[in-house]
Amino acid sequence: MNKTLLMTLLLLITGAVQAEEKVVVYNWSEYVDDSVLEDFTKETGIKIEYSTFDSNEVMYSKLKLQRGKGYDIVVPSTYYISKMAKEGLLQKLDKSQLKNIRNLNPDLLNKDYDPGNVYSLPYLWGSTGLCYNADEVEPASVTAWKDLWDPKWKGKLLFTDDVREVFHMALRINGHSGNSEDPAHITQAYELLKKVIPNVLVFNSEAPREPYLSGDVVVGMNWNGEAVSAAQENPAIQYVYPKEGAVFWVDSFAIPVGAENVKNAHAFIDYMLRAEVAKLNTEYVGYATPNQAALPLLEQSTRENPVIFPPEKIIANGEFHRDIGNDALQLMHDYWQKLKAGQ
């Protein structure tokens, strides 16, 4: 027998040849400090295979098509946790492997989208509100969602490429909950949204700060973390909580039902729940951490920034999205396609 072949067989028999440890992560774009990923691998020896998505719909569709396989970690927003759990796409967490749960703020646990946090644990939370360039826009002219319907903004708006967030605006303007399941409310919101479409230059959920920074748009929607990042480059980029109420959301770690590296997935989540790691991620991306142990570690300017950590009255005036059921969501999507087609 060939000497090299014999040696290979002996190594396999003795277990000396081991498969490389890895964890496959599917996360939002620009949503983690790269140094955190590098340090995780250095400490644990677990290689991270990392890919990104730009919307819950893209992430969900891929997981649905692959029947929950292909990834060990996904990071859905609030209402997609309950939707994916109901559809059997997520597996239950083993909390005995997650000692850093103790760092999380109890106020952001045990929510209706995942009672008892059976399937998920919060990573970051934030809001969707109004954004504008103060060099081009009079601040007093943009204080409410309804202000975006002004004809003077024709071809100057950015909307996030998110059906729930855009419909939230119209539902709230019409006096309804952003979580309404009533087909009449959703149809009414669609009719209102048709009137604002001429003002919309772009739908962007990849890096919505960029069109503001380039000057392509001067006003519209944005995520608070993107607004924080934009303001660091251009202080004229401002963020406002609309009078009708902002959208609030939590992005959470979850493990798909078909994950192949479950132990490593738990190790990754537990690492991300460390206070010092949560600090790095919040300061990097500009979104609020649910990690109360990390709060004292944050720079004072970050901890006291109301764009990142809104006052209680602002949160009370807004809504966290919840699952509205497949029928209502499908109706929104049908109207969404018409809106983007200019119909």
C-alpha atoms as a PDB file:
ATOM      1  CA  MET A   1       0.000   0.000   0.000  1.00  0.00           C
ATOM      2  CA  ASN A   2       1.165   3.532  -0.780  1.00  0.00           C
ATOM      3  CA  LYS A   3       2.846   4.983   2.308  1.00  0.00           C
ATOM      4  CA  THR A   4       0.931   8.270   2.109  1.00  0.00           C
ATOM      5  CA  LEU A   5      -2.387   6.468   1.767  1.00  0.00           C
ATOM      6  CA  LEU A   6      -1.566   4.237   4.714  1.00  0.00           C
ATOM      7  CA  MET A   7      -0.733   7.236   6.897  1.00  0.00           C
ATOM      8  CA  THR A   8      -4.009   8.927   5.935  1.00  0.00           C
ATOM      9  CA  LEU A   9      -5.977   5.823   6.850  1.00  0.00           C
ATOM     10  CA  LEU A  10      -4.211   5.572  10.191  1.00  0.00           C
ATOM     11  CA  LEU A  11      -4.973   9.215  10.975  1.00  0.00           C
ATOM     12  CA  LEU A  12      -8.625   8.714  10.144  1.00  0.00           C
ATOM     13  CA  ILE A  13      -8.816   5.601  12.269  1.00  0.00           C
ATOM     14  CA  THR A  14      -7.233   7.275  15.298  1.00  0.00           C
ATOM     15  CA  GLY A  15      -9.434  10.342  14.938  1.00  0.00           C
ATOM     16  CA  ALA A  16      -6.483  12.636  14.369  1.00  0.00           C
ATOM     17  CA  VAL A  17      -8.155  14.137  11.333  1.00  0.00           C
ATOM     18  CA  GLN A  18     -10.936  16.324  12.605  1.00  0.00           C
ATOM     19  CA  ALA A  19     -13.491  18.322  10.647  1.00  0.00           C
ATOM     20  CA  GLU A  20     -12.928  22.047  11.020  1.00  0.00           C
ATOM     21  CA  GLU A  21     -15.202  23.567  13.647  1.00  0.00           C
ATOM     22  CA  LYS A  22     -17.445  26.264  12.199  1.00  0.00           C
ATOM     23  CA  VAL A  23     -20.651  28.235  12.636  1.00  0.00           C
ATOM     24  CA  VAL A  24     -22.639  29.588   9.698  1.00  0.00           C
ATOM     25  CA  VAL A  25     -24.137  33.017  10.442  1.00  0.00           C
ATOM     26  CA  TYR A  26     -26.793  34.859   8.396  1.00  0.00           C
ATOM     27  CA  ASN A  27     -27.129  38.441   9.619  1.00  0.00           C
ATOM     28  CA  TRP A  28     -28.166  41.918   8.513  1.00  0.00           C
ATOM     29  CA  SER A  29     -25.669  43.942   6.471  1.00  0.00           C
ATOM     30  CA  GLU A  30     -23.134  45.985   8.446  1.00  0.00           C
ATOM     31  CA  TYR A  31     -24.537  44.715  11.722  1.00  0.00           C
ATOM     32  CA  VAL A  32     -21.527  43.560  13.729  1.00  0.00           C
ATOM     33  CA  ASP A  33     -18.084  44.845  14.614  1.00  0.00           C
ATOM     34  CA  ASP A  34     -15.651  42.772  12.521  1.00  0.00           C
ATOM     35  CA  SER A  35     -13.213  42.591  15.439  1.00  0.00           C
ATOM     36  CA  VAL A  36     -15.853  40.685  17.418  1.00  0.00           C
ATOM     37  CA  LEU A  37     -15.993  37.941  14.791  1.00  0.00           C
ATOM     38  CA  GLU A  38     -12.210  37.722  14.650  1.00  0.00           C
ATOM     39  CA  ASP A  39     -11.898  37.538  18.428  1.00  0.00           C
ATOM     40  CA  PHE A  40     -14.548  34.810  18.653  1.00  0.00           C
ATOM     41  CA  THR A  41     -12.553  32.602  16.289  1.00  0.00           C
ATOM     42  CA  LYS A  42      -9.285  33.338  18.085  1.00  0.00           C
ATOM     43  CA  GLU A  43     -10.778  32.391  21.429  1.00  0.00           C
ATOM     44  CA  THR A  44     -12.812  29.341  20.417  1.00  0.00           C
ATOM     45  CA  GLY A  45     -11.132  28.041  17.263  1.00  0.00           C
ATOM     46  CA  ILE A  46     -14.561  28.065  15.605  1.00  0.00           C
ATOM     47  CA  LYS A  47     -14.459  29.499  12.096  1.00  0.00           C
ATOM     48  CA  ILE A  48     -17.331  31.817  11.146  1.00  0.00           C
ATOM     49  CA  GLU A  49     -18.901  31.547   7.714  1.00  0.00           C
ATOM     50  CA  TYR A  50     -20.719  34.870   7.471  1.00  0.00           C
ATOM     51  CA  SER A  51     -23.257  36.128   4.962  1.00  0.00           C
ATOM     52  CA  THR A  52     -25.776  38.954   5.006  1.00  0.00           C
ATOM     53  CA  PHE A  53     -29.312  39.902   3.990  1.00  0.00           C
ATOM     54  CA  ASP A  54     -31.053  43.256   3.544  1.00  0.00           C
ATOM     55  CA  SER A  55     -34.613  42.412   4.550  1.00  0.00           C
ATOM     56  CA  ASN A  56     -36.582  39.976   6.682  1.00  0.00           C
ATOM     57  CA  GLU A  57     -38.417  38.865   3.556  1.00  0.00           C
ATOM     58  CA  VAL A  58     -35.183  37.797   1.831  1.00  0.00           C
ATOM     59  CA  MET A  59     -33.955  35.963   4.924  1.00  0.00           C
ATOM     60  CA  TYR A  60     -37.299  34.249   5.495  1.00  0.00           C
ATOM     61  CA  SER A  61     -37.741  33.212   1.860  1.00  0.00           C
ATOM     62  CA  LYS A  62     -34.297  31.621   1.792  1.00  0.00           C
ATOM     63  CA  LEU A  63     -34.850  29.701   5.037  1.00  0.00           C
ATOM     64  CA  LYS A  64     -38.296  28.616   3.863  1.00  0.00           C
ATOM     65  CA  LEU A  65     -36.947  27.381   0.533  1.00  0.00           C
ATOM     66  CA  GLN A  66     -34.148  25.476   2.270  1.00  0.00           C
ATOM     67  CA  ARG A  67     -36.495  24.132   4.956  1.00  0.00           C
ATOM     68  CA  GLY A  68     -34.495  25.673   7.762  1.00  0.00           C
ATOM     69  CA  LYS A  69     -31.163  24.341   6.545  1.00  0.00           C
ATOM     70  CA  GLY A  70     -27.956  26.043   5.475  1.00  0.00           C
ATOM     71  CA  TYR A  71     -27.372  28.303   8.488  1.00  0.00           C
ATOM     72  CA  ASP A  72     -26.650  27.894  12.194  1.00  0.00           C
ATOM     73  CA  ILE A  73     -27.578  31.442  13.251  1.00  0.00           C
ATOM     74  CA  VAL A  74     -30.172  33.836  11.798  1.00  0.00           C
ATOM     75  CA  VAL A  75     -31.189  37.278  13.087  1.00  0.00           C
ATOM     76  CA  PRO A  76     -34.890  37.929  12.335  1.00  0.00           C
ATOM     77  CA  SER A  77     -36.791  41.007  13.472  1.00  0.00           C
ATOM     78  CA  THR A  78     -39.517  40.885  16.078  1.00  0.00           C
ATOM     79  CA  TYR A  79     -42.559  39.468  14.287  1.00  0.00           C
ATOM     80  CA  TYR A  80     -40.578  37.102  12.062  1.00  0.00           C
ATOM     81  CA  ILE A  81     -39.503  35.135  15.137  1.00  0.00           C
ATOM     82  CA  SER A  82     -43.109  34.114  15.850  1.00  0.00           C
ATOM     83  CA  LYS A  83     -43.855  33.545  12.171  1.00  0.00           C
ATOM     84  CA  MET A  84     -40.829  31.291  11.654  1.00  0.00           C
ATOM     85  CA  ALA A  85     -41.384  29.425  14.913  1.00  0.00           C
ATOM     86  CA  LYS A  86     -45.006  28.690  13.980  1.00  0.00           C
ATOM     87  CA  GLU A  87     -43.860  27.355  10.631  1.00  0.00           C
ATOM     88  CA  GLY A  88     -41.310  25.013  12.205  1.00  0.00           C
ATOM     89  CA  LEU A  89     -38.257  26.857  10.875  1.00  0.00           C
ATOM     90  CA  LEU A  90     -36.624  27.449  14.267  1.00  0.00           C
ATOM     91  CA  GLN A  91     -35.465  25.125  17.019  1.00  0.00           C
ATOM     92  CA  LYS A  92     -35.676  25.660  20.764  1.00  0.00           C
ATOM     93  CA  LEU A  93     -32.652  27.173  22.481  1.00  0.00           C
ATOM     94  CA  ASP A  94     -30.749  25.183  25.093  1.00  0.00           C
ATOM     95  CA  LYS A  95     -30.399  27.836  27.783  1.00  0.00           C
ATOM     96  CA  SER A  96     -28.042  25.661  29.809  1.00  0.00           C
ATOM     97  CA  GLN A  97     -25.439  26.653  27.193  1.00  0.00           C
ATOM     98  CA  LEU A  98     -26.292  30.365  27.434  1.00  0.00           C
ATOM     99  CA  LYS A  99     -25.049  31.639  30.778  1.00  0.00           C
ATOM    100  CA  ASN A 100     -24.886  35.262  29.572  1.00  0.00           C
ATOM    101  CA  ILE A 101     -28.681  35.501  29.355  1.00  0.00           C
ATOM    102  CA  ARG A 102     -28.322  37.067  32.802  1.00  0.00           C
ATOM    103  CA  ASN A 103     -26.937  40.194  31.113  1.00  0.00           C
ATOM    104  CA  LEU A 104     -30.145  40.928  29.213  1.00  0.00           C
ATOM    105  CA  ASN A 105     -32.712  43.514  30.240  1.00  0.00           C
ATOM    106  CA  PRO A 106     -35.831  41.649  31.492  1.00  0.00           C
ATOM    107  CA  ASP A 107     -38.001  44.363  29.923  1.00  0.00           C
ATOM    108  CA  LEU A 108     -36.927  43.137  26.486  1.00  0.00           C
ATOM    109  CA  LEU A 109     -37.542  39.456  27.239  1.00  0.00           C
ATOM    110  CA  ASN A 110     -40.697  37.331  27.280  1.00  0.00           C
ATOM    111  CA  LYS A 111     -42.450  39.350  24.577  1.00  0.00           C
ATOM    112  CA  ASP A 112     -45.548  38.161  22.757  1.00  0.00           C
ATOM    113  CA  TYR A 113     -43.560  37.224  19.642  1.00  0.00           C
ATOM    114  CA  ASP A 114     -41.625  34.657  21.718  1.00  0.00           C
ATOM    115  CA  PRO A 115     -43.064  34.042  25.203  1.00  0.00           C
ATOM    116  CA  GLY A 116     -40.361  32.727  27.484  1.00  0.00           C
ATOM    117  CA  ASN A 117     -37.747  33.304  24.770  1.00  0.00           C
ATOM    118  CA  VAL A 118     -38.043  29.702  23.732  1.00  0.00           C
ATOM    119  CA  TYR A 119     -36.658  30.360  20.249  1.00  0.00           C
ATOM    120  CA  SER A 120     -34.771  33.637  20.412  1.00  0.00           C
ATOM    121  CA  LEU A 121     -32.702  36.086  22.418  1.00  0.00           C
ATOM    122  CA  PRO A 122     -32.413  39.794  21.596  1.00  0.00           C
ATOM    123  CA  TYR A 123     -29.271  41.100  19.897  1.00  0.00           C
ATOM    124  CA  LEU A 124     -30.049  44.759  19.143  1.00  0.00           C
ATOM    125  CA  TRP A 125     -33.149  46.923  19.127  1.00  0.00           C
ATOM    126  CA  GLY A 126     -34.008  50.143  17.401  1.00  0.00           C
ATOM    127  CA  SER A 127     -36.528  52.271  15.600  1.00  0.00           C
ATOM    128  CA  THR A 128     -37.607  53.504  12.198  1.00  0.00           C
ATOM    129  CA  GLY A 129     -38.437  57.183  12.023  1.00  0.00           C
ATOM    130  CA  LEU A 130     -38.021  60.359  10.009  1.00  0.00           C
ATOM    131  CA  CYS A 131     -34.665  61.502   8.662  1.00  0.00           C
ATOM    132  CA  TYR A 132     -33.675  64.680   6.858  1.00  0.00           C
ATOM    133  CA  ASN A 133     -30.745  66.854   5.820  1.00  0.00           C
ATOM    134  CA  ALA A 134     -30.981  70.069   7.848  1.00  0.00           C
ATOM    135  CA  ASP A 135     -28.964  71.931   5.196  1.00  0.00           C
ATOM    136  CA  GLU A 136     -31.782  71.287   2.715  1.00  0.00           C
ATOM    137  CA  VAL A 137     -34.894  70.902   4.879  1.00  0.00           C
ATOM    138  CA  GLU A 138     -36.466  73.199   7.441  1.00  0.00           C
ATOM    139  CA  PRO A 139     -36.690  71.049  10.601  1.00  0.00           C
ATOM    140  CA  ALA A 140     -40.130  72.373  11.507  1.00  0.00           C
ATOM    141  CA  SER A 141     -41.494  71.057   8.205  1.00  0.00           C
ATOM    142  CA  VAL A 142     -40.784  67.402   9.047  1.00  0.00           C
ATOM    143  CA  THR A 143     -42.223  66.328  12.395  1.00  0.00           C
ATOM    144  CA  ALA A 144     -44.833  63.733  11.372  1.00  0.00           C
ATOM    145  CA  TRP A 145     -45.191  60.878   8.895  1.00  0.00           C
ATOM    146  CA  LYS A 146     -47.911  62.824   7.079  1.00  0.00           C
ATOM    147  CA  ASP A 147     -45.398  65.566   6.229  1.00  0.00           C
ATOM    148  CA  LEU A 148     -43.813  63.238   3.670  1.00  0.00           C
ATOM    149  CA  TRP A 149     -46.949  63.558   1.514  1.00  0.00           C
ATOM    150  CA  ASP A 150     -46.191  67.226   0.770  1.00  0.00           C
ATOM    151  CA  PRO A 151     -45.833  67.646  -3.039  1.00  0.00           C
ATOM    152  CA  LYS A 152     -42.675  69.718  -2.531  1.00  0.00           C
ATOM    153  CA  TRP A 153     -40.823  66.477  -1.774  1.00  0.00           C
ATOM    154  CA  LYS A 154     -41.510  65.006  -5.239  1.00  0.00           C
ATOM    155  CA  GLY A 155     -38.599  62.723  -6.161  1.00  0.00           C
ATOM    156  CA  LYS A 156     -36.731  63.534  -2.941  1.00  0.00           C
ATOM    157  CA  LEU A 157     -37.807  60.834  -0.471  1.00  0.00           C
ATOM    158  CA  LEU A 158     -36.231  57.605   0.711  1.00  0.00           C
ATOM    159  CA  PHE A 159     -38.430  54.821   2.063  1.00  0.00           C
ATOM    160  CA  THR A 160     -36.990  51.712   3.644  1.00  0.00           C
ATOM    161  CA  ASP A 161     -37.561  48.657   1.475  1.00  0.00           C
ATOM    162  CA  ASP A 162     -39.773  47.100   4.131  1.00  0.00           C
ATOM    163  CA  VAL A 163     -43.469  46.481   3.596  1.00  0.00           C
ATOM    164  CA  ARG A 164     -44.409  46.498   7.280  1.00  0.00           C
ATOM    165  CA  GLU A 165     -42.583  49.734   8.023  1.00  0.00           C
ATOM    166  CA  VAL A 166     -44.063  51.578   5.058  1.00  0.00           C
ATOM    167  CA  PHE A 167     -47.591  50.374   5.819  1.00  0.00           C
ATOM    168  CA  HIS A 168     -47.049  51.283   9.477  1.00  0.00           C
ATOM    169  CA  MET A 169     -46.740  54.916   8.403  1.00  0.00           C
ATOM    170  CA  ALA A 170     -50.029  54.979   6.537  1.00  0.00           C
ATOM    171  CA  LEU A 171     -51.881  52.943   9.146  1.00  0.00           C
ATOM    172  CA  ARG A 172     -50.800  55.328  11.903  1.00  0.00           C
ATOM    173  CA  ILE A 173     -51.690  58.415   9.849  1.00  0.00           C
ATOM    174  CA  ASN A 174     -55.158  56.903   9.405  1.00  0.00           C
ATOM    175  CA  GLY A 175     -55.484  56.403  13.156  1.00  0.00           C
ATOM    176  CA  HIS A 176     -54.952  52.626  13.201  1.00  0.00           C
ATOM    177  CA  SER A 177     -52.393  50.358  14.797  1.00  0.00           C
ATOM    178  CA  GLY A 178     -49.356  49.541  12.698  1.00  0.00           C
ATOM    179  CA  ASN A 179     -50.217  45.929  13.568  1.00  0.00           C
ATOM    180  CA  SER A 180     -53.771  46.073  12.214  1.00  0.00           C
ATOM    181  CA  GLU A 181     -54.956  42.874  10.548  1.00  0.00           C
ATOM    182  CA  ASP A 182     -58.164  44.450   9.241  1.00  0.00           C
ATOM    183  CA  PRO A 183     -58.266  44.201   5.420  1.00  0.00           C
ATOM    184  CA  ALA A 184     -60.204  47.479   5.269  1.00  0.00           C
ATOM    185  CA  HIS A 185     -57.463  49.259   7.221  1.00  0.00           C
ATOM    186  CA  ILE A 186     -54.759  47.792   5.004  1.00  0.00           C
ATOM    187  CA  THR A 187     -56.634  48.766   1.840  1.00  0.00           C
ATOM    188  CA  GLN A 188     -57.129  52.278   3.199  1.00  0.00           C
ATOM    189  CA  ALA A 189     -53.389  52.471   3.918  1.00  0.00           C
ATOM    190  CA  TYR A 190     -52.620  51.355   0.358  1.00  0.00           C
ATOM    191  CA  GLU A 191     -54.836  54.093  -1.069  1.00  0.00           C
ATOM    192  CA  LEU A 192     -52.997  56.661   1.032  1.00  0.00           C
ATOM    193  CA  LEU A 193     -49.581  55.301   0.053  1.00  0.00           C
ATOM    194  CA  LYS A 194     -50.421  55.552  -3.635  1.00  0.00           C
ATOM    195  CA  LYS A 195     -50.525  59.324  -3.180  1.00  0.00           C
ATOM    196  CA  VAL A 196     -46.970  59.538  -1.792  1.00  0.00           C
ATOM    197  CA  ILE A 197     -45.243  57.286  -4.331  1.00  0.00           C
ATOM    198  CA  PRO A 198     -44.410  60.210  -6.716  1.00  0.00           C
ATOM    199  CA  ASN A 199     -42.335  61.679  -3.878  1.00  0.00           C
ATOM    200  CA  VAL A 200     -40.293  58.477  -3.426  1.00  0.00           C
ATOM    201  CA  LEU A 201     -36.980  58.353  -5.258  1.00  0.00           C
ATOM    202  CA  VAL A 202     -35.727  55.086  -3.808  1.00  0.00           C
ATOM    203  CA  PHE A 203     -36.608  52.151  -1.549  1.00  0.00           C
ATOM    204  CA  ASN A 204     -33.411  51.226   0.308  1.00  0.00           C
ATOM    205  CA  SER A 205     -32.745  48.768   3.117  1.00  0.00           C
ATOM    206  CA  GLU A 206     -29.161  47.911   2.246  1.00  0.00           C
ATOM    207  CA  ALA A 207     -27.500  51.095   3.531  1.00  0.00           C
ATOM    208  CA  PRO A 208     -30.190  53.785   3.725  1.00  0.00           C
ATOM    209  CA  ARG A 209     -27.745  56.361   5.111  1.00  0.00           C
ATOM    210  CA  GLU A 210     -25.881  56.492   1.793  1.00  0.00           C
ATOM    211  CA  PRO A 211     -28.500  58.350  -0.308  1.00  0.00           C
ATOM    212  CA  TYR A 212     -28.741  60.977   2.436  1.00  0.00           C
ATOM    213  CA  LEU A 213     -24.975  61.405   2.522  1.00  0.00           C
ATOM    214  CA  SER A 214     -24.674  61.591  -1.270  1.00  0.00           C
ATOM    215  CA  GLY A 215     -27.467  64.170  -1.480  1.00  0.00           C
ATOM    216  CA  ASP A 216     -29.654  61.984  -3.683  1.00  0.00           C
ATOM    217  CA  VAL A 217     -32.449  62.326  -1.101  1.00  0.00           C
ATOM    218  CA  VAL A 218     -33.055  65.008   1.499  1.00  0.00           C
ATOM    219  CA  VAL A 219     -35.845  63.542   3.621  1.00  0.00           C
ATOM    220  CA  GLY A 220     -37.743  60.316   4.299  1.00  0.00           C
ATOM    221  CA  MET A 221     -37.543  57.226   6.471  1.00  0.00           C
ATOM    222  CA  ASN A 222     -34.471  55.751   8.104  1.00  0.00           C
ATOM    223  CA  TRP A 223     -33.343  53.396  10.841  1.00  0.00           C
ATOM    224  CA  ASN A 224     -31.944  55.154  13.874  1.00  0.00           C
ATOM    225  CA  GLY A 225     -28.566  53.388  13.687  1.00  0.00           C
ATOM    226  CA  GLU A 226     -28.137  54.395  10.050  1.00  0.00           C
ATOM    227  CA  ALA A 227     -28.982  57.978  10.989  1.00  0.00           C
ATOM    228  CA  VAL A 228     -26.387  57.900  13.786  1.00  0.00           C
ATOM    229  CA  SER A 229     -23.741  56.642  11.361  1.00  0.00           C
ATOM    230  CA  ALA A 230     -24.710  59.270   8.768  1.00  0.00           C
ATOM    231  CA  ALA A 231     -24.548  62.077  11.343  1.00  0.00           C
ATOM    232  CA  GLN A 232     -20.985  61.077  12.205  1.00  0.00           C
ATOM    233  CA  GLU A 233     -20.045  61.927   8.613  1.00  0.00           C
ATOM    234  CA  ASN A 234     -22.433  64.842   8.164  1.00  0.00           C
ATOM    235  CA  PRO A 235     -23.980  66.404  11.301  1.00  0.00           C
ATOM    236  CA  ALA A 236     -26.729  67.930   9.136  1.00  0.00           C
ATOM    237  CA  ILE A 237     -28.333  64.468   8.871  1.00  0.00           C
ATOM    238  CA  GLN A 238     -30.964  64.494  11.612  1.00  0.00           C
ATOM    239  CA  TYR A 239     -33.364  61.863  13.000  1.00  0.00           C
ATOM    240  CA  VAL A 240     -36.874  62.568  14.316  1.00  0.00           C
ATOM    241  CA  TYR A 241     -39.460  60.420  16.072  1.00  0.00           C
ATOM    242  CA  PRO A 242     -42.720  61.145  14.156  1.00  0.00           C
ATOM    243  CA  LYS A 243     -45.718  62.481  16.042  1.00  0.00           C
ATOM    244  CA  GLU A 244     -47.881  59.525  14.951  1.00  0.00           C
ATOM    245  CA  GLY A 245     -45.396  57.096  16.525  1.00  0.00           C
ATOM    246  CA  ALA A 246     -42.223  55.391  15.368  1.00  0.00           C
ATOM    247  CA  VAL A 247     -41.737  51.748  14.449  1.00  0.00           C
ATOM    248  CA  PHE A 248     -39.808  49.822  17.092  1.00  0.00           C
ATOM    249  CA  TRP A 249     -38.225  46.434  16.556  1.00  0.00           C
ATOM    250  CA  VAL A 250     -35.917  43.886  18.145  1.00  0.00           C
ATOM    251  CA  ASP A 251     -33.502  41.812  16.095  1.00  0.00           C
ATOM    252  CA  SER A 252     -32.847  38.484  17.779  1.00  0.00           C
ATOM    253  CA  PHE A 253     -30.523  35.523  17.545  1.00  0.00           C
ATOM    254  CA  ALA A 254     -32.239  32.279  16.574  1.00  0.00           C
ATOM    255  CA  ILE A 255     -31.118  28.828  15.453  1.00  0.00           C
ATOM    256  CA  PRO A 256     -32.798  27.337  12.353  1.00  0.00           C
ATOM    257  CA  VAL A 257     -34.315  23.898  12.696  1.00  0.00           C
ATOM    258  CA  GLY A 258     -31.857  22.437  10.169  1.00  0.00           C
ATOM    259  CA  ALA A 259     -28.679  23.885  11.716  1.00  0.00           C
ATOM    260  CA  GLU A 260     -25.733  21.486  11.526  1.00  0.00           C
ATOM    261  CA  ASN A 261     -23.504  23.135  14.147  1.00  0.00           C
ATOM    262  CA  VAL A 262     -25.898  23.616  17.031  1.00  0.00           C
ATOM    263  CA  LYS A 263     -23.328  23.556  19.849  1.00  0.00           C
ATOM    264  CA  ASN A 264     -21.224  26.141  18.047  1.00  0.00           C
ATOM    265  CA  ALA A 265     -24.329  28.252  17.435  1.00  0.00           C
ATOM    266  CA  HIS A 266     -24.992  28.370  21.174  1.00  0.00           C
ATOM    267  CA  ALA A 267     -21.343  29.256  21.784  1.00  0.00           C
ATOM    268  CA  PHE A 268     -21.649  32.130  19.305  1.00  0.00           C
ATOM    269  CA  ILE A 269     -24.843  33.489  20.883  1.00  0.00           C
ATOM    270  CA  ASP A 270     -23.374  33.275  24.384  1.00  0.00           C
ATOM    271  CA  TYR A 271     -20.255  35.109  23.230  1.00  0.00           C
ATOM    272  CA  MET A 272     -22.345  37.871  21.644  1.00  0.00           C
ATOM    273  CA  LEU A 273     -24.227  38.285  24.932  1.00  0.00           C
ATOM    274  CA  ARG A 274     -21.066  39.212  26.810  1.00  0.00           C
ATOM    275  CA  ALA A 275     -21.211  42.773  28.126  1.00  0.00           C
ATOM    276  CA  GLU A 276     -17.945  43.885  26.521  1.00  0.00           C
ATOM    277  CA  VAL A 277     -18.940  42.371  23.169  1.00  0.00           C
ATOM    278  CA  ALA A 278     -22.373  44.018  23.270  1.00  0.00           C
ATOM    279  CA  LYS A 279     -20.650  47.348  23.953  1.00  0.00           C
ATOM    280  CA  LEU A 280     -18.451  47.006  20.876  1.00  0.00           C
ATOM    281  CA  ASN A 281     -21.380  46.140  18.624  1.00  0.00           C
ATOM    282  CA  THR A 282     -23.598  48.981  19.845  1.00  0.00           C
ATOM    283  CA  GLU A 283     -20.866  51.576  19.415  1.00  0.00           C
ATOM    284  CA  TYR A 284     -20.065  50.189  15.975  1.00  0.00           C
ATOM    285  CA  VAL A 285     -23.582  50.012  14.504  1.00  0.00           C
ATOM    286  CA  GLY A 286     -25.414  52.742  16.436  1.00  0.00           C
ATOM    287  CA  TYR A 287     -28.326  50.633  17.666  1.00  0.00           C
ATOM    288  CA  ALA A 288     -29.415  50.069  21.254  1.00  0.00           C
ATOM    289  CA  THR A 289     -28.230  47.015  23.119  1.00  0.00           C
ATOM    290  CA  PRO A 290     -30.653  44.994  25.282  1.00  0.00           C
ATOM    291  CA  ASN A 291     -27.605  44.031  27.327  1.00  0.00           C
ATOM    292  CA  GLN A 292     -27.984  45.931  30.581  1.00  0.00           C
ATOM    293  CA  ALA A 293     -24.552  44.795  31.769  1.00  0.00           C
ATOM    294  CA  ALA A 294     -23.057  46.597  28.758  1.00  0.00           C
ATOM    295  CA  LEU A 295     -24.692  49.971  29.479  1.00  0.00           C
ATOM    296  CA  PRO A 296     -22.118  51.180  32.059  1.00  0.00           C
ATOM    297  CA  LEU A 297     -19.344  50.317  29.581  1.00  0.00           C
ATOM    298  CA  LEU A 298     -20.703  52.512  26.787  1.00  0.00           C
ATOM    299  CA  GLU A 299     -19.330  55.947  26.033  1.00  0.00           C
ATOM    300  CA  GLN A 300     -21.498  58.570  27.748  1.00  0.00           C
ATOM    301  CA  SER A 301     -22.299  60.151  24.373  1.00  0.00           C
ATOM    302  CA  THR A 302     -23.701  56.830  23.195  1.00  0.00           C
ATOM    303  CA  ARG A 303     -25.553  55.964  26.400  1.00  0.00           C
ATOM    304  CA  GLU A 304     -27.251  59.378  26.541  1.00  0.00           C
ATOM    305  CA  ASN A 305     -28.037  59.722  22.833  1.00  0.00           C
ATOM    306  CA  PRO A 306     -31.862  59.758  22.517  1.00  0.00           C
ATOM    307  CA  VAL A 307     -31.616  58.638  18.891  1.00  0.00           C
ATOM    308  CA  ILE A 308     -30.056  55.378  20.116  1.00  0.00           C
ATOM    309  CA  PHE A 309     -31.843  55.043  23.473  1.00  0.00           C
ATOM    310  CA  PRO A 310     -35.225  56.828  23.154  1.00  0.00           C
ATOM    311  CA  PRO A 311     -37.092  58.189  26.181  1.00  0.00           C
ATOM    312  CA  GLU A 312     -39.912  56.052  27.570  1.00  0.00           C
ATOM    313  CA  LYS A 313     -42.598  58.436  26.289  1.00  0.00           C
ATOM    314  CA  ILE A 314     -41.297  58.019  22.737  1.00  0.00           C
ATOM    315  CA  ILE A 315     -41.391  54.233  23.034  1.00  0.00           C
ATOM    316  CA  ALA A 316     -44.906  54.379  24.508  1.00  0.00           C
ATOM    317  CA  ASN A 317     -46.083  56.473  21.549  1.00  0.00           C
ATOM    318  CA  GLY A 318     -44.723  53.971  19.022  1.00  0.00           C
ATOM    319  CA  GLU A 319     -45.288  50.275  18.422  1.00  0.00           C
ATOM    320  CA  PHE A 320     -43.214  47.148  18.281  1.00  0.00           C
ATOM    321  CA  HIS A 321     -44.240  45.085  15.264  1.00  0.00           C
ATOM    322  CA  ARG A 322     -45.875  41.731  15.911  1.00  0.00           C
ATOM    323  CA  ASP A 323     -46.989  38.909  13.643  1.00  0.00           C
ATOM    324  CA  ILE A 324     -50.215  39.950  11.888  1.00  0.00           C
ATOM    325  CA  GLY A 325     -50.896  36.561  10.323  1.00  0.00           C
ATOM    326  CA  ASN A 326     -50.373  35.286   6.810  1.00  0.00           C
ATOM    327  CA  ASP A 327     -53.595  36.677   5.323  1.00  0.00           C
ATOM    328  CA  ALA A 328     -52.962  40.271   6.383  1.00  0.00           C
ATOM    329  CA  LEU A 329     -49.290  40.072   5.469  1.00  0.00           C
ATOM    330  CA  GLN A 330     -50.088  38.622   2.041  1.00  0.00           C
ATOM    331  CA  LEU A 331     -52.552  41.440   1.389  1.00  0.00           C
ATOM    332  CA  MET A 332     -49.866  43.957   2.281  1.00  0.00           C
ATOM    333  CA  HIS A 333     -47.401  42.238  -0.041  1.00  0.00           C
ATOM    334  CA  ASP A 334     -49.913  42.268  -2.901  1.00  0.00           C
ATOM    335  CA  TYR A 335     -50.420  45.993  -2.459  1.00  0.00           C
ATOM    336  CA  TRP A 336     -46.670  46.461  -1.965  1.00  0.00           C
ATOM    337  CA  GLN A 337     -45.939  45.064  -5.400  1.00  0.00           C
ATOM    338  CA  LYS A 338     -48.514  47.386  -6.913  1.00  0.00           C
ATOM    339  CA  LEU A 339     -47.026  50.393  -5.139  1.00  0.00           C
ATOM    340  CA  LYS A 340     -43.525  49.646  -6.342  1.00  0.00           C
ATOM    341  CA  ALA A 341     -44.882  49.173  -9.847  1.00  0.00           C
ATOM    342  CA  GLY A 342     -46.584  52.546  -9.629  1.00  0.00           C
ATOM    343  CA  GLN A 343     -50.098  51.103  -9.555  1.00  0.00           C
END
